[in-house]
Protein backbone atom coordinates (compact mmCIF):
# COMPACT_ATOMS: atom_id res chain seq x y z
CA MET A 1 71.25 108.99 109.38
CA THR A 2 72.23 106.99 112.47
CA THR A 3 74.82 104.27 112.10
CA THR A 4 74.78 101.35 114.56
CA VAL A 5 78.04 101.34 116.52
CA ASN A 6 79.83 98.06 116.99
CA PRO A 7 81.15 97.94 120.60
CA TYR A 8 84.08 95.81 119.40
CA GLY A 9 84.76 97.98 116.38
CA PHE A 10 87.10 100.81 115.45
CA ARG A 11 87.87 102.93 118.54
CA ARG A 12 91.05 104.75 117.53
CA PRO A 13 91.54 108.53 117.23
CA HIS A 14 93.76 108.09 114.15
CA LEU A 15 93.86 105.87 111.07
CA LEU A 16 97.56 105.49 110.33
CA GLY A 17 97.44 102.13 108.56
CA ILE A 18 95.77 98.76 108.27
CA GLU A 19 98.61 97.05 110.13
CA GLY A 20 97.56 96.34 113.69
CA LEU A 21 93.82 96.61 113.06
CA SER A 22 91.73 93.64 114.15
CA LYS A 23 89.14 91.96 111.96
CA PRO A 24 86.24 93.51 113.97
CA GLU A 25 87.78 96.99 113.54
CA ILE A 26 88.06 96.56 109.78
CA VAL A 27 84.54 95.16 109.45
CA ASP A 28 83.20 98.04 111.56
CA LEU A 29 84.71 100.62 109.19
CA LEU A 30 83.34 98.72 106.18
CA ASP A 31 79.86 98.58 107.75
CA ARG A 32 79.96 102.32 108.47
CA ALA A 33 80.98 102.98 104.87
CA GLU A 34 78.24 100.70 103.53
CA ALA A 35 75.67 102.82 105.34
CA ASN A 36 77.04 105.91 103.57
CA VAL A 37 76.66 104.59 100.02
CA ALA A 38 72.90 105.12 99.86
CA VAL A 39 73.23 108.60 101.39
CA SER A 40 75.78 109.60 98.75
CA ARG A 41 73.33 108.61 96.02
CA GLN A 42 70.53 110.81 97.36
CA ALA A 43 69.73 114.24 95.93
CA ASN A 44 70.50 115.82 99.32
CA LYS A 45 73.88 114.45 100.36
CA LYS A 46 74.56 116.91 103.19
CA ARG A 47 74.92 115.74 106.78
CA ASP A 48 76.07 117.52 109.90
CA GLY A 49 78.41 114.99 111.52
CA LEU A 50 81.34 117.40 111.31
CA ARG A 51 79.47 120.71 111.36
CA GLY A 52 81.66 123.35 112.97
CA ARG A 53 84.74 121.15 112.71
CA THR A 54 87.91 121.93 110.75
CA GLN A 55 89.55 119.45 108.37
CA ILE A 56 92.97 120.17 106.85
CA ASN A 57 94.08 118.18 103.81
CA LEU A 58 97.89 118.29 103.94
CA PHE A 59 99.22 116.75 100.73
CA PHE A 60 102.99 116.74 100.20
CA GLU A 61 102.37 114.62 97.09
CA ALA A 62 99.88 115.51 94.40
CA SER A 63 96.83 113.25 94.20
CA THR A 64 93.73 114.64 92.54
CA ARG A 65 91.69 111.49 93.17
CA THR A 66 92.42 111.01 96.88
CA GLN A 67 92.45 114.69 97.84
CA SER A 68 89.19 115.48 96.06
CA SER A 69 87.59 112.41 97.65
CA PHE A 70 88.57 113.50 101.17
CA GLU A 71 87.49 117.07 100.42
CA LEU A 72 84.08 115.94 99.18
CA ALA A 73 83.67 113.61 102.18
CA GLY A 74 84.47 116.40 104.63
CA LYS A 75 82.11 118.87 102.95
CA ARG A 76 79.27 116.34 102.85
CA LEU A 77 79.69 116.02 106.62
CA GLY A 78 79.53 119.79 107.02
CA ALA A 79 83.19 120.36 107.93
CA ASP A 80 85.20 123.46 107.08
CA VAL A 81 87.78 121.96 104.73
CA MET A 82 91.14 123.56 103.96
CA ASN A 83 93.42 122.17 101.26
CA MET A 84 97.00 123.11 102.09
CA SER A 85 99.11 123.68 99.00
CA VAL A 86 102.50 122.36 100.07
CA ALA A 87 104.12 123.31 96.75
CA SER A 88 103.76 127.00 97.67
CA SER A 89 104.11 126.65 101.45
CA SER A 90 106.92 127.20 103.92
CA VAL A 91 107.93 123.54 103.50
CA LYS A 92 109.51 124.53 100.19
CA LYS A 93 111.46 127.20 102.11
CA GLY A 94 113.04 124.69 104.48
CA GLU A 95 110.38 124.17 107.14
CA THR A 96 110.48 120.66 108.63
CA LEU A 97 107.54 118.30 108.98
CA ILE A 98 107.55 118.85 112.75
CA ASP A 99 107.52 122.64 112.26
CA THR A 100 104.53 122.24 109.98
CA ALA A 101 102.79 120.01 112.52
CA VAL A 102 103.32 122.51 115.34
CA THR A 103 102.06 125.36 113.15
CA LEU A 104 98.92 123.49 112.09
CA ASN A 105 98.27 122.33 115.64
CA ALA A 106 98.16 125.95 116.77
CA MET A 107 95.19 126.45 114.42
CA ASN A 108 93.19 123.89 116.46
CA PRO A 109 92.00 121.64 113.61
CA ASP A 110 89.86 118.61 114.39
CA VAL A 111 91.36 116.29 111.77
CA ILE A 112 94.35 116.39 109.44
CA VAL A 113 94.48 114.19 106.34
CA VAL A 114 98.11 113.65 105.34
CA ARG A 115 99.81 112.34 102.21
CA HIS A 116 103.62 112.27 102.29
CA HIS A 117 106.41 110.82 100.17
CA ALA A 118 108.26 109.36 103.19
CA SER A 119 107.17 106.17 104.94
CA GLY A 120 106.36 106.83 108.60
CA ALA A 121 105.92 110.59 108.18
CA VAL A 122 102.19 110.47 108.96
CA ALA A 123 102.75 108.55 112.20
CA LEU A 124 105.39 111.10 113.24
CA LEU A 125 103.03 113.99 112.57
CA ALA A 126 100.28 112.28 114.60
CA GLN A 127 102.59 112.36 117.65
CA LYS A 128 102.94 116.15 117.39
CA VAL A 129 99.31 117.27 117.07
CA ASP A 130 96.27 117.19 119.34
CA CYS A 131 93.75 116.26 116.64
CA SER A 132 92.91 113.13 114.67
CA VAL A 133 95.20 112.18 111.79
CA ILE A 134 94.33 110.07 108.74
CA ASN A 135 96.96 108.53 106.49
CA ALA A 136 96.21 109.29 102.84
CA GLY A 137 99.38 107.51 101.71
CA ASP A 138 102.93 107.58 103.07
CA GLY A 139 105.76 106.52 100.79
CA ALA A 140 105.65 102.83 99.96
CA HIS A 141 104.25 102.09 103.43
CA GLU A 142 100.44 102.22 103.49
CA HIS A 143 97.29 103.71 101.98
CA PRO A 144 94.60 102.44 104.37
CA THR A 145 91.52 104.14 102.93
CA GLN A 146 92.31 102.74 99.47
CA ALA A 147 92.38 99.22 100.90
CA LEU A 148 89.10 99.85 102.72
CA LEU A 149 87.36 101.14 99.59
CA ASP A 150 88.69 98.19 97.60
CA ALA A 151 87.36 95.79 100.23
CA LEU A 152 83.99 97.54 100.29
CA THR A 153 83.76 97.30 96.50
CA ILE A 154 84.58 93.59 96.57
CA ARG A 155 82.14 92.85 99.40
CA ARG A 156 79.28 94.64 97.66
CA HIS A 157 79.73 92.54 94.52
CA LYS A 158 80.76 89.18 95.94
CA GLY A 159 78.85 89.32 99.22
CA ARG A 160 81.96 88.39 101.17
CA ILE A 161 85.73 88.60 101.23
CA GLU A 162 86.47 85.36 103.07
CA ARG A 163 87.83 82.56 100.88
CA LEU A 164 87.97 84.72 97.75
CA THR A 165 91.13 84.49 95.67
CA VAL A 166 92.57 87.93 94.96
CA ALA A 167 95.45 88.31 92.51
CA ILE A 168 97.42 91.54 93.04
CA CYS A 169 99.48 92.16 89.94
CA GLY A 170 102.27 94.47 88.87
CA ASP A 171 104.54 96.89 90.68
CA ILE A 172 104.14 95.55 94.20
CA LEU A 173 107.57 96.79 95.32
CA HIS A 174 106.63 100.48 95.20
CA SER A 175 102.94 100.14 96.03
CA ARG A 176 101.52 101.27 99.39
CA VAL A 177 98.15 100.19 97.98
CA ALA A 178 99.42 96.63 97.64
CA ARG A 179 100.75 96.55 101.20
CA SER A 180 97.51 97.84 102.74
CA ASN A 181 95.42 95.47 100.63
CA ILE A 182 97.58 92.49 101.55
CA LEU A 183 97.20 93.28 105.26
CA LEU A 184 93.45 93.86 105.02
CA LEU A 185 92.56 90.96 102.75
CA THR A 186 94.56 88.43 104.75
CA ALA A 187 92.99 89.76 107.98
CA LEU A 188 89.58 89.03 106.44
CA ASP A 189 90.65 85.52 105.39
CA ALA A 190 91.00 86.05 101.66
CA ARG A 191 93.57 84.12 99.62
CA VAL A 192 96.08 86.60 98.21
CA ARG A 193 98.39 85.95 95.27
CA LEU A 194 101.14 88.31 94.17
CA VAL A 195 102.00 88.41 90.49
CA GLY A 196 104.78 90.36 88.83
CA PRO A 197 108.41 90.44 87.74
CA THR A 198 110.90 89.20 90.34
CA THR A 199 112.39 92.70 90.50
CA LEU A 200 109.06 94.19 91.59
CA ILE A 201 108.09 91.76 94.37
CA PRO A 202 109.86 92.46 97.70
CA GLN A 203 111.29 89.61 99.72
CA ALA A 204 109.26 90.68 102.77
CA PHE A 205 106.04 89.51 101.13
CA ARG A 206 107.60 86.21 100.17
CA ASP A 207 108.60 85.78 103.81
CA MET A 208 104.96 86.26 104.85
CA GLY A 209 104.12 82.98 103.15
CA LEU A 210 101.99 84.54 100.43
CA GLU A 211 101.63 82.88 97.05
CA VAL A 212 104.06 84.56 94.65
CA THR A 213 104.46 83.94 90.93
CA THR A 214 106.01 85.64 87.91
CA SER A 215 103.40 84.09 85.60
CA MET A 216 100.11 85.85 84.91
CA LYS A 217 98.65 82.54 83.78
CA ASP A 218 99.43 80.86 87.10
CA GLY A 219 98.60 83.92 89.17
CA LEU A 220 95.19 84.55 87.63
CA LYS A 221 94.09 80.91 87.57
CA ASP A 222 90.69 80.68 89.30
CA ALA A 223 91.04 84.24 90.67
CA ASP A 224 87.84 85.96 91.83
CA ILE A 225 89.41 89.42 91.80
CA VAL A 226 92.22 90.73 89.59
CA MET A 227 93.72 93.86 91.13
CA MET A 228 96.14 95.68 88.84
CA LEU A 229 98.70 98.18 90.11
CA ARG A 230 100.17 101.22 88.42
CA LEU A 231 103.75 100.88 87.20
CA GLN A 232 105.40 103.59 89.32
CA ARG A 233 108.33 104.55 87.15
CA GLU A 234 108.85 107.79 89.09
CA ARG A 235 109.84 105.75 92.18
CA MET A 236 112.23 103.42 90.41
CA ASN A 237 115.97 103.68 90.79
CA GLY A 238 117.47 101.97 87.79
CA SER A 239 115.82 99.76 85.21
CA LEU A 240 113.57 97.26 86.98
CA VAL A 241 111.61 96.43 83.83
CA PRO A 242 113.09 96.10 80.32
CA SER A 243 110.58 98.41 78.60
CA VAL A 244 106.95 99.47 78.78
CA ARG A 245 106.17 97.40 75.71
CA GLU A 246 107.71 94.27 77.22
CA TYR A 247 105.99 94.93 80.53
CA PHE A 248 102.57 95.06 78.90
CA ARG A 249 103.32 91.94 76.89
CA TYR A 250 103.96 89.88 80.02
CA TYR A 251 102.06 91.68 82.80
CA GLY A 252 99.52 93.99 81.18
CA LEU A 253 95.97 92.78 81.71
CA ASP A 254 94.20 92.14 78.42
CA ALA A 255 91.29 89.90 77.48
CA GLU A 256 93.56 86.93 76.85
CA LYS A 257 95.13 87.06 80.31
CA LEU A 258 91.83 87.84 82.04
CA ALA A 259 90.46 84.59 80.60
CA TYR A 260 92.78 82.71 82.99
CA ALA A 261 90.65 83.95 85.90
CA ARG A 262 87.16 82.79 86.79
CA PRO A 263 84.45 83.71 84.27
CA ASP A 264 82.86 86.04 86.83
CA ALA A 265 86.16 87.56 87.94
CA LEU A 266 86.16 91.30 88.57
CA VAL A 267 88.88 93.77 87.64
CA MET A 268 90.15 96.56 89.89
CA HIS A 269 92.75 99.32 89.69
CA PRO A 270 93.48 102.03 92.31
CA GLY A 271 94.20 104.63 89.63
CA PRO A 272 95.46 106.58 87.95
CA MET A 273 95.75 104.00 85.17
CA ASN A 274 98.49 103.76 82.58
CA ARG A 275 96.33 102.45 79.74
CA GLY A 276 98.29 100.13 77.52
CA VAL A 277 100.95 99.64 80.20
CA GLU A 278 99.37 97.69 83.05
CA ILE A 279 95.87 97.37 81.62
CA ASP A 280 94.25 97.27 78.19
CA PRO A 281 91.62 99.99 77.65
CA ALA A 282 89.06 97.40 76.56
CA VAL A 283 89.43 95.62 79.92
CA ALA A 284 89.53 98.84 81.95
CA ASP A 285 86.21 99.91 80.41
CA GLY A 286 84.76 96.43 80.08
CA PRO A 287 81.84 94.75 81.86
CA GLN A 288 84.06 93.10 84.48
CA SER A 289 85.68 96.37 85.55
CA LEU A 290 84.90 97.92 88.94
CA ILE A 291 87.29 100.84 88.51
CA ARG A 292 84.66 103.58 88.38
CA GLU A 293 82.78 102.11 91.32
CA GLN A 294 85.98 102.15 93.35
CA VAL A 295 86.00 105.93 93.06
CA GLU A 296 82.42 106.13 94.36
CA MET A 297 83.20 103.81 97.26
CA GLY A 298 86.16 106.02 98.13
CA VAL A 299 83.89 108.86 99.19
CA ALA A 300 81.73 106.54 101.32
CA VAL A 301 84.79 105.08 103.05
CA ARG A 302 86.33 108.48 103.75
CA ILE A 303 83.10 109.78 105.22
CA ALA A 304 83.07 106.75 107.53
CA VAL A 305 86.70 107.21 108.57
CA LEU A 306 86.32 110.96 109.20
CA GLU A 307 83.28 110.34 111.39
CA ALA A 308 84.95 107.47 113.22
CA VAL A 309 88.26 109.12 114.14
CA THR A 310 86.74 112.45 115.17
CA GLY A 311 84.03 110.71 117.18
CA ASN A 312 86.59 108.54 118.93
CA ARG A 313 88.76 111.56 119.71
CA ASN A 314 85.77 113.34 121.25
CA ALA A 315 84.83 110.26 123.28
CA SER A 316 88.38 109.98 124.64
CA ALA A 317 88.35 113.66 125.62
CA VAL A 318 85.08 113.24 127.53
CA GLU A 319 86.33 110.14 129.33
CA SER A 320 89.57 111.83 130.40
CA ALA A 321 87.88 115.04 131.58
CA PRO A 322 87.98 115.55 135.39
C-alpha cells in the first residue's frame, strides 16, 4: 500500500517526543497511521516496508502492551525484531546506558525502540547511535506514540480534534502519557482540562495556562473526551493520596461522574487499568469506552512511526552521500 507523503510533514530520523513537533508533522503521522488501520484488519497483514531491516526493542521497564505493539508493528512490516531482555542483560551487571548504546550500535540496527525509567535517557541514547530511535516512554517525560494513538482514536470517532474539550483526569504528576497528550492536543487546538488532587497536578502545567480543577464535576462538564490515567503508586514518594478507597470516591470515573460530561462523551485510558481505583469496570467496559480500540490504533500508529523514521533516515543518508 502506498501512502501519500506530505511535503510539510514529519521528516525526522527519530521520534523522541511530541514537544517541538509542528501541527503539520503531527497530522502527517496521524494520516499515515489512518492508512494502516484498514491494512491491519485484512487477512493478510504483511508488508515489506522494513524487509531486511533490524529493529531492537530495548525496554528497561516492563510494558507488555507497548512492547508487544511495537513488536507486532515491526513484524507486519517485515523487520527482523529483537526484544532485548534488560533484566538479564549486562545492564544489571553495571553496564551504563552509553555502554549499551555503543554495543547495540556495533550490531548495525536500523531502529531502536527504547523505554527507560529516567527522563531524557532516550534522547541521550539517540546521540550515541547511528540508527533511528523511537521513544516508547522515558520516566515522567513523554510517551509520544501513546499520544498519537489517542489522537487517532479521537479523530476517527469525532472527525476532528480541534475545539474538542478533553478532560485528563487523575495522576498527572507521574504521567508521561498526560504530558505527551497535553502537548499534542493543544498543538491541534483542542481545549484541555486537567482534573485531579492538588498533590498530583504539577505547577508546570498550571503555568502553561491550562484549565485545572480538583473537582470532577467541574472538570467533566461538557467534556467530549474523558481520559483517565493510572494511579502510579510505584512512582510515589510518600502519601500523595489518602487511600485507594478515598481516591476512587472523589476521582474514580463511574456512571455518576461520567454523567457530568456530554451525553456522547467518550472514555479513554492508556492502560493498564486499575479497575475500581481510577475507573469503574462498568464504565471501562461500557458503550462509551474506547479503551480496546486504543490498543488497535497503537499498532497502526507504531507501523506509521517505524516507516517514517527509517524512511527519513534513509533519505538523509542519500542526500548526504558524495
